[in-house]
Amino acid sequence: MKQVLIVDDAVTVRLYHRHLITELGYPTSEAENGVEALEKAMQASFALMLVDVNMPKMDGYRFIEEVRKNPDLQSIPIIMISTESEAKDIQKAYSVGANFYLIKPTDPKRLQDLVTLILGQSKQEI
């Protein structure tokens, strides 16, 4: 089963994103910063990652750089989701390896459509 890793230091955001992803039929795992997320990514298999920018210990940009350096993780699609909305922030996300960039607050349908585009229909919906 394709699993999604949600990386955000805000509990409410993680719960919101978890709700949207599980509504599509995909299981999720969560981390509150890049360090914890990297540990989880090395221990389990993820089909997609949703990553915040501003987090303690390791921010989203650094986390993505570390993922892209790791041969076992580098091909996992990453959606960066942040309140940072300036062109330089979006450009930096793509330069470190993000596949998509969404601005918070995220439109629920847009996020779900993007997840479905990346992962396809879940087994529960077929």
Foldseek 3Di string as FASTA:
>chain_A
DAEEEEEALDPVVVVVVQVLVVVLVHHYDYYDALVRVVVVVVVDPHQEYEAEADGPPHGRLRSLLVQCVDPVRNVRAYEYEYQDDDPVVVVSSVVSPHPHYHYPPGDSVVVSVVCCVRPNRDPVVD
